[in-house]
PDB file of N, CA and C in Angstrom:
ATOM      1  N   MET A   1      21.996-133.988   1.251  1.00  0.00           N
ATOM      2  CA  MET A   1      22.993-132.958   1.043  1.00  0.00           C
ATOM      3  C   MET A   1      23.373-132.942  -0.437  1.00  0.00           C
ATOM      4  N   ARG A   2      23.287-131.827  -1.039  1.00  0.00           N
ATOM      5  CA  ARG A   2      23.674-131.654  -2.434  1.00  0.00           C
ATOM      6  C   ARG A   2      24.841-130.686  -2.504  1.00  0.00           C
ATOM      7  N   LEU A   3      25.851-131.063  -3.261  1.00  0.00           N
ATOM      8  CA  LEU A   3      26.965-130.157  -3.489  1.00  0.00           C
ATOM      9  C   LEU A   3      26.693-129.408  -4.777  1.00  0.00           C
ATOM     10  N   HIS A   4      27.145-128.204  -4.867  1.00  0.00           N
ATOM     11  CA  HIS A   4      26.851-127.372  -6.017  1.00  0.00           C
ATOM     12  C   HIS A   4      28.012-127.318  -7.005  1.00  0.00           C
ATOM     13  N   HIS A   5      28.621-128.458  -7.243  1.00  0.00           N
ATOM     14  CA  HIS A   5      29.689-128.543  -8.231  1.00  0.00           C
ATOM     15  C   HIS A   5      29.106-129.191  -9.472  1.00  0.00           C
ATOM     16  N   SER A   6      29.637-128.886 -10.621  1.00  0.00           N
ATOM     17  CA  SER A   6      29.152-129.485 -11.856  1.00  0.00           C
ATOM     18  C   SER A   6      30.044-130.649 -12.227  1.00  0.00           C
ATOM     19  N   PRO A   7      29.608-131.879 -11.950  1.00  0.00           N
ATOM     20  CA  PRO A   7      30.443-132.996 -12.370  1.00  0.00           C
ATOM     21  C   PRO A   7      30.452-133.078 -13.884  1.00  0.00           C
ATOM     22  N   THR A   8      31.532-133.581 -14.399  1.00  0.00           N
ATOM     23  CA  THR A   8      31.591-133.739 -15.842  1.00  0.00           C
ATOM     24  C   THR A   8      30.527-134.732 -16.262  1.00  0.00           C
ATOM     25  N   GLU A   9      30.090-134.627 -17.479  1.00  0.00           N
ATOM     26  CA  GLU A   9      29.018-135.483 -17.965  1.00  0.00           C
ATOM     27  C   GLU A   9      29.538-136.826 -18.461  1.00  0.00           C
ATOM     28  N   VAL A  10      30.530-137.352 -17.786  1.00  0.00           N
ATOM     29  CA  VAL A  10      31.065-138.663 -18.124  1.00  0.00           C
ATOM     30  C   VAL A  10      30.228-139.701 -17.388  1.00  0.00           C
ATOM     31  N   PRO A  11      29.764-140.747 -18.069  1.00  0.00           N
ATOM     32  CA  PRO A  11      28.931-141.750 -17.409  1.00  0.00           C
ATOM     33  C   PRO A  11      29.658-142.438 -16.261  1.00  0.00           C
ATOM     34  N   VAL A  12      28.898-142.810 -15.236  1.00  0.00           N
ATOM     35  CA  VAL A  12      29.457-143.570 -14.122  1.00  0.00           C
ATOM     36  C   VAL A  12      30.051-144.848 -14.693  1.00  0.00           C
ATOM     37  N   GLY A  13      31.210-145.237 -14.197  1.00  0.00           N
ATOM     38  CA  GLY A  13      31.898-146.407 -14.714  1.00  0.00           C
ATOM     39  C   GLY A  13      32.971-146.050 -15.722  1.00  0.00           C
ATOM     40  N   GLN A  14      32.917-144.832 -16.271  1.00  0.00           N
ATOM     41  CA  GLN A  14      33.935-144.378 -17.221  1.00  0.00           C
ATOM     42  C   GLN A  14      34.718-143.194 -16.653  1.00  0.00           C
ATOM     43  N   ARG A  15      34.409-142.818 -15.435  1.00  0.00           N
ATOM     44  CA  ARG A  15      35.102-141.707 -14.780  1.00  0.00           C
ATOM     45  C   ARG A  15      36.377-142.210 -14.112  1.00  0.00           C
ATOM     46  N   ASP A  16      37.257-141.269 -13.766  1.00  0.00           N
ATOM     47  CA  ASP A  16      38.389-141.617 -12.915  1.00  0.00           C
ATOM     48  C   ASP A  16      37.831-142.045 -11.561  1.00  0.00           C
ATOM     49  N   THR A  17      38.618-142.837 -10.848  1.00  0.00           N
ATOM     50  CA  THR A  17      38.169-143.401  -9.585  1.00  0.00           C
ATOM     51  C   THR A  17      38.962-142.832  -8.424  1.00  0.00           C
ATOM     52  N   VAL A  18      38.274-142.607  -7.321  1.00  0.00           N
ATOM     53  CA  VAL A  18      38.895-142.259  -6.051  1.00  0.00           C
ATOM     54  C   VAL A  18      38.741-143.481  -5.159  1.00  0.00           C
ATOM     55  N   ILE A  19      39.835-143.905  -4.553  1.00  0.00           N
ATOM     56  CA  ILE A  19      39.786-145.009  -3.598  1.00  0.00           C
ATOM     57  C   ILE A  19      39.972-144.429  -2.209  1.00  0.00           C
ATOM     58  N   ILE A  20      39.075-144.783  -1.303  1.00  0.00           N
ATOM     59  CA  ILE A  20      39.219-144.393   0.097  1.00  0.00           C
ATOM     60  C   ILE A  20      39.579-145.641   0.884  1.00  0.00           C
ATOM     61  N   LEU A  21      40.692-145.563   1.607  1.00  0.00           N
ATOM     62  CA  LEU A  21      41.135-146.649   2.473  1.00  0.00           C
ATOM     63  C   LEU A  21      40.961-146.220   3.919  1.00  0.00           C
ATOM     64  N   GLY A  22      40.303-147.055   4.694  1.00  0.00           N
ATOM     65  CA  GLY A  22      39.988-146.711   6.068  1.00  0.00           C
ATOM     66  C   GLY A  22      38.659-145.980   6.084  1.00  0.00           C
ATOM     67  N   GLY A  23      38.512-145.072   7.001  1.00  0.00           N
ATOM     68  CA  GLY A  23      37.262-144.328   7.079  1.00  0.00           C
ATOM     69  C   GLY A  23      36.200-145.096   7.829  1.00  0.00           C
ATOM     70  N   LYS A  24      34.989-144.624   7.731  1.00  0.00           N
ATOM     71  CA  LYS A  24      33.859-145.226   8.438  1.00  0.00           C
ATOM     72  C   LYS A  24      32.887-145.803   7.423  1.00  0.00           C
ATOM     73  N   GLY A  25      32.633-147.087   7.537  1.00  0.00           N
ATOM     74  CA  GLY A  25      31.735-147.761   6.610  1.00  0.00           C
ATOM     75  C   GLY A  25      30.349-147.144   6.557  1.00  0.00           C
ATOM     76  N   GLY A  26      29.887-146.612   7.679  1.00  0.00           N
ATOM     77  CA  GLY A  26      28.573-145.985   7.719  1.00  0.00           C
ATOM     78  C   GLY A  26      28.490-144.712   6.893  1.00  0.00           C
ATOM     79  N   LEU A  27      29.632-144.157   6.531  1.00  0.00           N
ATOM     80  CA  LEU A  27      29.660-142.933   5.721  1.00  0.00           C
ATOM     81  C   LEU A  27      29.907-143.205   4.241  1.00  0.00           C
ATOM     82  N   GLU A  28      29.958-144.465   3.846  1.00  0.00           N
ATOM     83  CA  GLU A  28      30.311-144.787   2.461  1.00  0.00           C
ATOM     84  C   GLU A  28      29.377-144.129   1.449  1.00  0.00           C
ATOM     85  N   ALA A  29      28.088-144.144   1.704  1.00  0.00           N
ATOM     86  CA  ALA A  29      27.143-143.516   0.764  1.00  0.00           C
ATOM     87  C   ALA A  29      27.419-142.021   0.635  1.00  0.00           C
ATOM     88  N   ARG A  30      27.770-141.385   1.737  1.00  0.00           N
ATOM     89  CA  ARG A  30      28.076-139.954   1.704  1.00  0.00           C
ATOM     90  C   ARG A  30      29.403-139.691   1.006  1.00  0.00           C
ATOM     91  N   TYR A  31      30.411-140.552   1.261  1.00  0.00           N
ATOM     92  CA  TYR A  31      31.682-140.435   0.545  1.00  0.00           C
ATOM     93  C   TYR A  31      31.430-140.526  -0.962  1.00  0.00           C
ATOM     94  N   ARG A  32      30.588-141.482  -1.357  1.00  0.00           N
ATOM     95  CA  ARG A  32      30.272-141.692  -2.779  1.00  0.00           C
ATOM     96  C   ARG A  32      29.591-140.459  -3.367  1.00  0.00           C
ATOM     97  N   GLU A  33      28.675-139.880  -2.618  1.00  0.00           N
ATOM     98  CA  GLU A  33      27.956-138.679  -3.066  1.00  0.00           C
ATOM     99  C   GLU A  33      28.938-137.529  -3.326  1.00  0.00           C
ATOM    100  N   ILE A  34      29.884-137.359  -2.425  1.00  0.00           N
ATOM    101  CA  ILE A  34      30.886-136.297  -2.575  1.00  0.00           C
ATOM    102  C   ILE A  34      31.762-136.564  -3.802  1.00  0.00           C
ATOM    103  N   ALA A  35      32.243-137.802  -3.941  1.00  0.00           N
ATOM    104  CA  ALA A  35      33.104-138.144  -5.082  1.00  0.00           C
ATOM    105  C   ALA A  35      32.371-137.911  -6.397  1.00  0.00           C
ATOM    106  N   GLN A  36      31.119-138.327  -6.475  1.00  0.00           N
ATOM    107  CA  GLN A  36      30.357-138.154  -7.706  1.00  0.00           C
ATOM    108  C   GLN A  36      30.081-136.684  -7.993  1.00  0.00           C
ATOM    109  N   ALA A  37      29.921-135.886  -6.952  1.00  0.00           N
ATOM    110  CA  ALA A  37      29.719-134.448  -7.155  1.00  0.00           C
ATOM    111  C   ALA A  37      30.938-133.799  -7.801  1.00  0.00           C
ATOM    112  N   TYR A  38      32.112-134.375  -7.562  1.00  0.00           N
ATOM    113  CA  TYR A  38      33.339-133.857  -8.171  1.00  0.00           C
ATOM    114  C   TYR A  38      33.696-134.592  -9.463  1.00  0.00           C
ATOM    115  N   GLY A  39      32.832-135.506  -9.911  1.00  0.00           N
ATOM    116  CA  GLY A  39      33.050-136.182 -11.184  1.00  0.00           C
ATOM    117  C   GLY A  39      33.872-137.458 -11.107  1.00  0.00           C
ATOM    118  N   TYR A  40      33.935-138.096  -9.937  1.00  0.00           N
ATOM    119  CA  TYR A  40      34.694-139.328  -9.754  1.00  0.00           C
ATOM    120  C   TYR A  40      33.779-140.483  -9.381  1.00  0.00           C
ATOM    121  N   ASP A  41      34.205-141.705  -9.710  1.00  0.00           N
ATOM    122  CA  ASP A  41      33.622-142.905  -9.136  1.00  0.00           C
ATOM    123  C   ASP A  41      34.337-143.146  -7.807  1.00  0.00           C
ATOM    124  N   LEU A  42      33.757-143.961  -6.942  1.00  0.00           N
ATOM    125  CA  LEU A  42      34.365-144.214  -5.635  1.00  0.00           C
ATOM    126  C   LEU A  42      34.444-145.702  -5.366  1.00  0.00           C
ATOM    127  N   LYS A  43      35.569-146.111  -4.815  1.00  0.00           N
ATOM    128  CA  LYS A  43      35.743-147.439  -4.230  1.00  0.00           C
ATOM    129  C   LYS A  43      36.165-147.200  -2.789  1.00  0.00           C
ATOM    130  N   HIS A  44      35.468-147.820  -1.839  1.00  0.00           N
ATOM    131  CA  HIS A  44      35.789-147.635  -0.427  1.00  0.00           C
ATOM    132  C   HIS A  44      36.136-148.988   0.179  1.00  0.00           C
ATOM    133  N   TYR A  45      37.292-149.052   0.810  1.00  0.00           N
ATOM    134  CA  TYR A  45      37.745-150.270   1.474  1.00  0.00           C
ATOM    135  C   TYR A  45      38.066-149.907   2.916  1.00  0.00           C
ATOM    136  N   GLU A  46      37.236-150.374   3.809  1.00  0.00           N
ATOM    137  CA  GLU A  46      37.409-150.019   5.219  1.00  0.00           C
ATOM    138  C   GLU A  46      38.454-150.907   5.904  1.00  0.00           C
ATOM    139  N   GLN A  47      38.445-152.192   5.599  1.00  0.00           N
ATOM    140  CA  GLN A  47      39.312-153.134   6.296  1.00  0.00           C
ATOM    141  C   GLN A  47      40.475-153.646   5.453  1.00  0.00           C
ATOM    142  N   ARG A  48      40.184-154.082   4.222  1.00  0.00           N
ATOM    143  CA  ARG A  48      41.246-154.629   3.372  1.00  0.00           C
ATOM    144  C   ARG A  48      40.862-154.494   1.907  1.00  0.00           C
ATOM    145  N   LEU A  49      41.875-154.595   1.073  1.00  0.00           N
ATOM    146  CA  LEU A  49      41.677-154.522  -0.375  1.00  0.00           C
ATOM    147  C   LEU A  49      41.542-155.924  -0.951  1.00  0.00           C
ATOM    148  N   PRO A  50      40.647-156.107  -1.912  1.00  0.00           N
ATOM    149  CA  PRO A  50      40.618-157.400  -2.592  1.00  0.00           C
ATOM    150  C   PRO A  50      41.879-157.560  -3.441  1.00  0.00           C
ATOM    151  N   PRO A  51      42.243-158.788  -3.794  1.00  0.00           N
ATOM    152  CA  PRO A  51      43.486-159.005  -4.545  1.00  0.00           C
ATOM    153  C   PRO A  51      43.558-158.226  -5.853  1.00  0.00           C
ATOM    154  N   LYS A  52      42.458-158.080  -6.565  1.00  0.00           N
ATOM    155  CA  LYS A  52      42.482-157.377  -7.852  1.00  0.00           C
ATOM    156  C   LYS A  52      41.772-156.036  -7.678  1.00  0.00           C
ATOM    157  N   THR A  53      42.508-155.047  -7.205  1.00  0.00           N
ATOM    158  CA  THR A  53      41.932-153.740  -6.931  1.00  0.00           C
ATOM    159  C   THR A  53      41.982-152.817  -8.129  1.00  0.00           C
ATOM    160  N   HIS A  54      42.859-153.062  -9.045  1.00  0.00           N
ATOM    161  CA  HIS A  54      43.109-152.101 -10.123  1.00  0.00           C
ATOM    162  C   HIS A  54      42.797-152.719 -11.484  1.00  0.00           C
ATOM    163  N   PRO A  55      41.501-152.789 -11.866  1.00  0.00           N
ATOM    164  CA  PRO A  55      41.189-153.290 -13.197  1.00  0.00           C
ATOM    165  C   PRO A  55      41.822-152.405 -14.267  1.00  0.00           C
ATOM    166  N   ALA A  56      42.206-152.994 -15.371  1.00  0.00           N
ATOM    167  CA  ALA A  56      42.888-152.263 -16.444  1.00  0.00           C
ATOM    168  C   ALA A  56      42.029-151.133 -17.001  1.00  0.00           C
ATOM    169  N   SER A  57      40.709-151.291 -16.956  1.00  0.00           N
ATOM    170  CA  SER A  57      39.822-150.281 -17.525  1.00  0.00           C
ATOM    171  C   SER A  57      39.590-149.099 -16.586  1.00  0.00           C
ATOM    172  N   GLN A  58      40.150-149.164 -15.409  1.00  0.00           N
ATOM    173  CA  GLN A  58      39.868-148.158 -14.394  1.00  0.00           C
ATOM    174  C   GLN A  58      41.110-147.310 -14.128  1.00  0.00           C
ATOM    175  N   ARG A  59      40.971-145.992 -14.184  1.00  0.00           N
ATOM    176  CA  ARG A  59      42.078-145.095 -13.873  1.00  0.00           C
ATOM    177  C   ARG A  59      41.877-144.555 -12.471  1.00  0.00           C
ATOM    178  N   ILE A  60      42.822-144.826 -11.595  1.00  0.00           N
ATOM    179  CA  ILE A  60      42.734-144.345 -10.223  1.00  0.00           C
ATOM    180  C   ILE A  60      43.376-142.972 -10.166  1.00  0.00           C
ATOM    181  N   ALA A  61      42.561-141.967  -9.866  1.00  0.00           N
ATOM    182  CA  ALA A  61      43.051-140.598  -9.790  1.00  0.00           C
ATOM    183  C   ALA A  61      43.677-140.314  -8.429  1.00  0.00           C
ATOM    184  N   PHE A  62      43.005-140.767  -7.375  1.00  0.00           N
ATOM    185  CA  PHE A  62      43.454-140.486  -6.007  1.00  0.00           C
ATOM    186  C   PHE A  62      43.229-141.688  -5.122  1.00  0.00           C
ATOM    187  N   VAL A  63      44.111-141.826  -4.152  1.00  0.00           N
ATOM    188  CA  VAL A  63      43.900-142.757  -3.057  1.00  0.00           C
ATOM    189  C   VAL A  63      43.886-141.903  -1.798  1.00  0.00           C
ATOM    190  N   LEU A  64      42.732-141.826  -1.158  1.00  0.00           N
ATOM    191  CA  LEU A  64      42.605-141.076   0.085  1.00  0.00           C
ATOM    192  C   LEU A  64      42.776-142.059   1.231  1.00  0.00           C
ATOM    193  N   VAL A  65      43.765-141.830   2.076  1.00  0.00           N
ATOM    194  CA  VAL A  65      44.083-142.731   3.180  1.00  0.00           C
ATOM    195  C   VAL A  65      43.715-142.046   4.484  1.00  0.00           C
ATOM    196  N   MET A  66      42.778-142.633   5.204  1.00  0.00           N
ATOM    197  CA  MET A  66      42.374-142.114   6.515  1.00  0.00           C
ATOM    198  C   MET A  66      43.341-142.699   7.541  1.00  0.00           C
ATOM    199  N   VAL A  67      44.401-141.978   7.854  1.00  0.00           N
ATOM    200  CA  VAL A  67      45.513-142.537   8.623  1.00  0.00           C
ATOM    201  C   VAL A  67      45.142-142.932  10.045  1.00  0.00           C
ATOM    202  N   SER A  68      44.134-142.317  10.620  1.00  0.00           N
ATOM    203  CA  SER A  68      43.770-142.665  11.998  1.00  0.00           C
ATOM    204  C   SER A  68      42.940-143.935  12.063  1.00  0.00           C
ATOM    205  N   MET A  69      42.497-144.449  10.919  1.00  0.00           N
ATOM    206  CA  MET A  69      41.607-145.603  10.918  1.00  0.00           C
ATOM    207  C   MET A  69      42.042-146.644   9.889  1.00  0.00           C
ATOM    208  N   ILE A  70      43.338-146.962   9.869  1.00  0.00           N
ATOM    209  CA  ILE A  70      43.823-147.897   8.850  1.00  0.00           C
ATOM    210  C   ILE A  70      44.919-148.770   9.446  1.00  0.00           C
ATOM    211  N   SER A  71      44.953-150.005   9.021  1.00  0.00           N
ATOM    212  CA  SER A  71      45.987-150.927   9.491  1.00  0.00           C
ATOM    213  C   SER A  71      47.288-150.685   8.722  1.00  0.00           C
ATOM    214  N   HIS A  72      48.382-151.150   9.281  1.00  0.00           N
ATOM    215  CA  HIS A  72      49.673-150.983   8.613  1.00  0.00           C
ATOM    216  C   HIS A  72      49.742-151.727   7.277  1.00  0.00           C
ATOM    217  N   PRO A  73      49.214-152.967   7.178  1.00  0.00           N
ATOM    218  CA  PRO A  73      49.247-153.632   5.858  1.00  0.00           C
ATOM    219  C   PRO A  73      48.446-152.877   4.799  1.00  0.00           C
ATOM    220  N   LEU A  74      47.312-152.308   5.184  1.00  0.00           N
ATOM    221  CA  LEU A  74      46.509-151.552   4.222  1.00  0.00           C
ATOM    222  C   LEU A  74      47.233-150.272   3.809  1.00  0.00           C
ATOM    223  N   MET A  75      47.945-149.653   4.740  1.00  0.00           N
ATOM    224  CA  MET A  75      48.735-148.458   4.422  1.00  0.00           C
ATOM    225  C   MET A  75      49.832-148.813   3.411  1.00  0.00           C
ATOM    226  N   ALA A  76      50.468-149.969   3.594  1.00  0.00           N
ATOM    227  CA  ALA A  76      51.506-150.405   2.654  1.00  0.00           C
ATOM    228  C   ALA A  76      50.911-150.641   1.265  1.00  0.00           C
ATOM    229  N   HIS A  77      49.725-151.205   1.210  1.00  0.00           N
ATOM    230  CA  HIS A  77      49.057-151.439  -0.071  1.00  0.00           C
ATOM    231  C   HIS A  77      48.736-150.102  -0.749  1.00  0.00           C
ATOM    232  N   ALA A  78      48.372-149.097   0.046  1.00  0.00           N
ATOM    233  CA  ALA A  78      48.096-147.766  -0.500  1.00  0.00           C
ATOM    234  C   ALA A  78      49.328-147.212  -1.198  1.00  0.00           C
ATOM    235  N   ARG A  79      50.496-147.401  -0.589  1.00  0.00           N
ATOM    236  CA  ARG A  79      51.733-146.934  -1.216  1.00  0.00           C
ATOM    237  C   ARG A  79      51.954-147.630  -2.554  1.00  0.00           C
ATOM    238  N   GLY A  80      51.579-148.900  -2.642  1.00  0.00           N
ATOM    239  CA  GLY A  80      51.699-149.634  -3.894  1.00  0.00           C
ATOM    240  C   GLY A  80      50.805-149.065  -4.971  1.00  0.00           C
ATOM    241  N   LEU A  81      49.603-148.634  -4.611  1.00  0.00           N
ATOM    242  CA  LEU A  81      48.714-148.003  -5.582  1.00  0.00           C
ATOM    243  C   LEU A  81      49.300-146.680  -6.052  1.00  0.00           C
ATOM    244  N   GLY A  82      49.975-145.985  -5.157  1.00  0.00           N
ATOM    245  CA  GLY A  82      50.642-144.737  -5.530  1.00  0.00           C
ATOM    246  C   GLY A  82      51.758-144.975  -6.526  1.00  0.00           C
ATOM    247  N   ASP A  83      52.408-146.124  -6.422  1.00  0.00           N
ATOM    248  CA  ASP A  83      53.466-146.475  -7.368  1.00  0.00           C
ATOM    249  C   ASP A  83      52.912-146.645  -8.775  1.00  0.00           C
ATOM    250  N   ASP A  84      51.618-146.956  -8.891  1.00  0.00           N
ATOM    251  CA  ASP A  84      50.974-147.111 -10.196  1.00  0.00           C
ATOM    252  C   ASP A  84      50.556-145.774 -10.796  1.00  0.00           C
ATOM    253  N   GLY A  85      50.912-144.677 -10.155  1.00  0.00           N
ATOM    254  CA  GLY A  85      50.612-143.360 -10.699  1.00  0.00           C
ATOM    255  C   GLY A  85      49.469-142.628 -10.018  1.00  0.00           C
ATOM    256  N   ALA A  86      48.793-143.275  -9.085  1.00  0.00           N
ATOM    257  CA  ALA A  86      47.714-142.597  -8.367  1.00  0.00           C
ATOM    258  C   ALA A  86      48.303-141.627  -7.346  1.00  0.00           C
ATOM    259  N   ASN A  87      47.631-140.512  -7.155  1.00  0.00           N
ATOM    260  CA  ASN A  87      48.058-139.545  -6.146  1.00  0.00           C
ATOM    261  C   ASN A  87      47.594-140.023  -4.782  1.00  0.00           C
ATOM    262  N   LEU A  88      48.519-140.088  -3.830  1.00  0.00           N
ATOM    263  CA  LEU A  88      48.175-140.464  -2.463  1.00  0.00           C
ATOM    264  C   LEU A  88      47.894-139.206  -1.663  1.00  0.00           C
ATOM    265  N   VAL A  89      46.776-139.208  -0.950  1.00  0.00           N
ATOM    266  CA  VAL A  89      46.419-138.084  -0.089  1.00  0.00           C
ATOM    267  C   VAL A  89      46.138-138.665   1.285  1.00  0.00           C
ATOM    268  N   TYR A  90      46.879-138.225   2.279  1.00  0.00           N
ATOM    269  CA  TYR A  90      46.697-138.717   3.640  1.00  0.00           C
ATOM    270  C   TYR A  90      45.817-137.739   4.406  1.00  0.00           C
ATOM    271  N   LEU A  91      44.751-138.262   4.998  1.00  0.00           N
ATOM    272  CA  LEU A  91      43.824-137.452   5.779  1.00  0.00           C
ATOM    273  C   LEU A  91      43.871-137.899   7.240  1.00  0.00           C
ATOM    274  N   ARG A  92      43.895-136.948   8.141  1.00  0.00           N
ATOM    275  CA  ARG A  92      43.904-137.279   9.567  1.00  0.00           C
ATOM    276  C   ARG A  92      42.534-137.717  10.054  1.00  0.00           C
ATOM    277  N   SER A  93      41.511-137.217   9.417  1.00  0.00           N
ATOM    278  CA  SER A  93      40.151-137.442   9.874  1.00  0.00           C
ATOM    279  C   SER A  93      39.340-138.169   8.809  1.00  0.00           C
ATOM    280  N   PRO A  94      38.449-139.073   9.227  1.00  0.00           N
ATOM    281  CA  PRO A  94      37.570-139.743   8.267  1.00  0.00           C
ATOM    282  C   PRO A  94      36.311-138.945   7.973  1.00  0.00           C
ATOM    283  N   SER A  95      36.337-137.661   8.254  1.00  0.00           N
ATOM    284  CA  SER A  95      35.130-136.839   8.133  1.00  0.00           C
ATOM    285  C   SER A  95      34.779-136.531   6.686  1.00  0.00           C
ATOM    286  N   LEU A  96      33.530-136.211   6.484  1.00  0.00           N
ATOM    287  CA  LEU A  96      33.044-135.820   5.163  1.00  0.00           C
ATOM    288  C   LEU A  96      33.717-134.541   4.697  1.00  0.00           C
ATOM    289  N   SER A  97      33.921-133.607   5.606  1.00  0.00           N
ATOM    290  CA  SER A  97      34.539-132.335   5.218  1.00  0.00           C
ATOM    291  C   SER A  97      35.990-132.544   4.783  1.00  0.00           C
ATOM    292  N   ALA A  98      36.699-133.488   5.385  1.00  0.00           N
ATOM    293  CA  ALA A  98      38.077-133.760   4.979  1.00  0.00           C
ATOM    294  C   ALA A  98      38.110-134.320   3.556  1.00  0.00           C
ATOM    295  N   VAL A  99      37.172-135.215   3.235  1.00  0.00           N
ATOM    296  CA  VAL A  99      37.094-135.776   1.878  1.00  0.00           C
ATOM    297  C   VAL A  99      36.724-134.680   0.888  1.00  0.00           C
ATOM    298  N   ARG A 100      35.738-133.874   1.235  1.00  0.00           N
ATOM    299  CA  ARG A 100      35.286-132.778   0.362  1.00  0.00           C
ATOM    300  C   ARG A 100      36.435-131.809   0.097  1.00  0.00           C
ATOM    301  N   ASP A 101      37.172-131.439   1.139  1.00  0.00           N
ATOM    302  CA  ASP A 101      38.287-130.507   0.990  1.00  0.00           C
ATOM    303  C   ASP A 101      39.396-131.091   0.107  1.00  0.00           C
ATOM    304  N   ALA A 102      39.726-132.377   0.311  1.00  0.00           N
ATOM    305  CA  ALA A 102      40.782-133.003  -0.481  1.00  0.00           C
ATOM    306  C   ALA A 102      40.408-133.053  -1.955  1.00  0.00           C
ATOM    307  N   LEU A 103      39.178-133.424  -2.263  1.00  0.00           N
ATOM    308  CA  LEU A 103      38.750-133.486  -3.665  1.00  0.00           C
ATOM    309  C   LEU A 103      38.613-132.092  -4.260  1.00  0.00           C
ATOM    310  N   GLY A 104      38.185-131.131  -3.455  1.00  0.00           N
ATOM    311  CA  GLY A 104      38.089-129.755  -3.937  1.00  0.00           C
ATOM    312  C   GLY A 104      39.438-129.175  -4.286  1.00  0.00           C
ATOM    313  N   ARG A 105      40.444-129.428  -3.429  1.00  0.00           N
ATOM    314  CA  ARG A 105      41.810-128.954  -3.713  1.00  0.00           C
ATOM    315  C   ARG A 105      42.358-129.637  -4.956  1.00  0.00           C
ATOM    316  N   ALA A 106      42.045-130.900  -5.135  1.00  0.00           N
ATOM    317  CA  ALA A 106      42.545-131.639  -6.291  1.00  0.00           C
ATOM    318  C   ALA A 106      41.948-131.082  -7.591  1.00  0.00           C
ATOM    319  N   LYS A 107      40.680-130.729  -7.581  1.00  0.00           N
ATOM    320  CA  LYS A 107      40.030-130.195  -8.786  1.00  0.00           C
ATOM    321  C   LYS A 107      40.572-128.822  -9.140  1.00  0.00           C
ATOM    322  N   LYS A 108      40.935-128.035  -8.121  1.00  0.00           N
ATOM    323  CA  LYS A 108      41.467-126.693  -8.374  1.00  0.00           C
ATOM    324  C   LYS A 108      42.886-126.756  -8.927  1.00  0.00           C
ATOM    325  N   GLY A 109      43.651-127.750  -8.436  1.00  0.00           N
ATOM    326  CA  GLY A 109      45.063-127.826  -8.807  1.00  0.00           C
ATOM    327  C   GLY A 109      45.261-128.509 -10.060  1.00  0.00           C
TER     328      GLY A 109
END
């Protein structure tokens, strides 16, 4: 599947990052493909976050929270990332179309 968006020509590793919390691990490659099509790097954490989630060199643009597939402690950690300036986006579904729509709305706004 190819998306027809023009990602910025910023090298991978120097782009803003989208973090997905929850979701389906089997879809991680597809989530990454969508994020990169919109010009973002992706970090996906299905079960828990490692202690050092926010390296100083990394700017977190969005935290997408799949609310139907996330534990309460992970949801609390998501709120903490939002306190660091990242935009929190809550999604009801872990679907590819929900991720695509959220990133598309973010790029337009």
